[in-house]
Amino acid sequence: MAAQGQAAAGSASESGGSPAASAAAAAAAAFPATSLYVGDLHESVQDAQLFDVFSQVGGVVSVRVCRDINSRKSLGYAYVNYNNTSDAARALELLNFTPINGKPIRIMYSNRDPSSRKSGAGNIFIKNLDKSIDNKALYDTFCAFGNILSCKIATDPSGESRGYGFVQFEMDESAQSAIDKLNGMLINDKKVYVGPFVRKQDRENVSNNIKFSNVYVKNLSDTVTDDELKEMFGKYGTITSAVVMRDSDGNSRCFGFVNFENADAAAQAVQELNGKIFNDKELYVGRAQKKSEREMELKEKFEKNIQEVAEKFQNTNLYLKNLDDNIDDEKLREIFAEYGNITSCKVMRDSYGVSRGSGFVSFKSAEDANRALTEMNGKMVGSKPLYVALAQRKDDRKAKLQAQFSQMRPVAMAPSVGPRMPMFPPSVPGVGQQLFYGQPPPAFINPQGQQPQRPAGRRAGSGGMQQPMPMGSQQQIFPRGGRGYRYATGRGMPDPGMHNVGAVMPSPYEMGGMAMRDAGVSQPVPIGALATALANASPDQQRLMLGENLYPLVEQLEREQAAKVTGMLLEMDQTEVLHLLESPDALKAKVAEAMEVLRSAQHLQQSNASTEQQLANLSLNDGVLSS
């Protein structure tokens, strides 16, 4: 992609060196600064981590990741200050688009003067981009035309490209050259639009100043005729046509159109008649629009309203799950009333009025909501542990799940060849690997050098139960139900093996005071009993117990990806996992959401792998970019 851009520009490499190096040098000359702006940071990146990365290039004076003043969460950008301008220029050249914590960073010179950014000078807008084009690919394409100050692809909350982006050049001439050469070209088999960037305020002004002669009128009385409509608008100018729309029976549909000969007359009619009362009805009079224009306008208004509501109730609206069936709106308000002023409270119900087991409580202040969340999450309300969290939009939940998935270690699955599998400690030679459901049992290797021996234990299919042997006896362990663990154990969690050779580890349910089940039978544990067992178990054992109960249910819904999905779901809050075990509908929805994330991640990985090859094969042919 960068190669064609250079060809189109014609002179990117004549001065020697890479386009990126030339851009960095030019930027250093134009902005003799030592301060860099680092954007698109992963939320987990810390100051010390950035310092380690940037200090490899030169002497770093300071690093600061900008954070929200209340939550202390990263805002996704930082500032890095160097001792001298040459180090800053080298960092811009070498580190731009370097992945940190799995997310490529975006670097540019820190320009504290907002006038150049807001002026729109040298700024271009690119749309209809292929979703595989990222910031680096966009930069590589346009850096051939001149020094780039800023380059960014617009993305949705999950990080996927919205299909458009922005590039700001140092010089207007560079921007115009890019527009002339690339507008209408094919990039990754898609014809792109490249044009001057227009600020939102200016776009709105342009929209408001559109010339039109056709006027749309609605909320008319059903008795209004074409002649009356023409008479009503006739005083503003010459009318070429006026019609009231009617159905097949000739009845008025209470709206119509008036077409003027002169655009100024149409504008005056809209200004003076819109909102006027006619035949006891308030008229709407406006510019007649195409269906696509109306849909776009309605969509923008809807999204704006959604955003305003989300910002208004940010950190004040709580989402509740695992509610008892007998809890109604009034009871819910009583439960949370002690934490502050409640503005709204609702239990969600189906079409028959039956509780869905979930609801929302909205507080007047974020502080009250946070206190309620801290104290009520996991608290037993009735017979169930309550799950409380900040309410999130679907896009935000998907992005969070995507982030969790990207940090999970990959799970290697083996074909199912045996009904049971013993667990071995990492200290035993040859068998210190992580084990999952379905793997065949390796032979036991005695640390004293004796011959391998078959694992001792309960006999498959026997109706009796063998009692656990004391610690120190030479016996191995079989997981509950005669199965190994098929789901991912999670980050930082030790493999479910013994710590001492020959030691017996009771099953998670014996640790919780429950009797071990028959080796050949696997039955679900009642939620109440499971909750009691969890309370008496360590965090690692709790995760194991939850996974043992959750995996079979997930496997019924999604067999091939059951291990990955179970591992993802175990990253959630414990009370929410309990809710999934109890509610088939909630589990089905959450599994579907997890699968959507998995598919998106797989598609993104495939796209990233293929894009580099596609970009390398792009060439300029008869003024058209193609692969």
Foldseek 3Di string as FASTA:
>chain_A
DLVALLVLLPCLAVVHDDLLLVLLVVQCVVPVFQKKKKFQADQPDDQVNVCVVLPVQHAWDGKAFDADPPPRTGPGMIMTGHPGSVSSSVCQSPQQQPDDLRGGMHMAGDDPDCCVVVVLAQKKKKFQADQLDFQVNQCSNLSSLAHWRDWGFDAFLLRTGPGMIMTGHPHNNSLVSCQVQQQQFADANTGMHMGRDDDPVRVVVVVVPDFFFKKKKAPADQVDAQVNQCVVLVVLAAWPGKGFDADPVRTGPRMIMIGHPGRVSLVVCQVPQQQDADPNTGMHMDGDDDPVVVVVVVVVVVVVVVVVVCVQQPLFKKKKAQADFPDAQVNQCVVLVVLAAWPGWGFDADPVRTGPRMIMIGHPDNNSSVVCQVPQQQDDDPLAGMHMDHDDDPSNVLSVLLSLLVPWDDDDDDAADDQAEWAADLPQPPRNDADAWRDDYDFGQDPVGDDTDHADADDAPDPDHDDDDAFPAQHTDIEAQRTGHHADLTPPAHHPHDPDHRTYDDYLLVQLVDDGDDNNDDDADDLSSLVSSLVRDDPSSNLVSLSSLVLVLQCVQPVPCSRSLSRSVSVDDPSVSSSCSVDVVSVNVSSVSSVVSVVVVVVSVVSNVVVVVQVVPWHQDPSHIDD
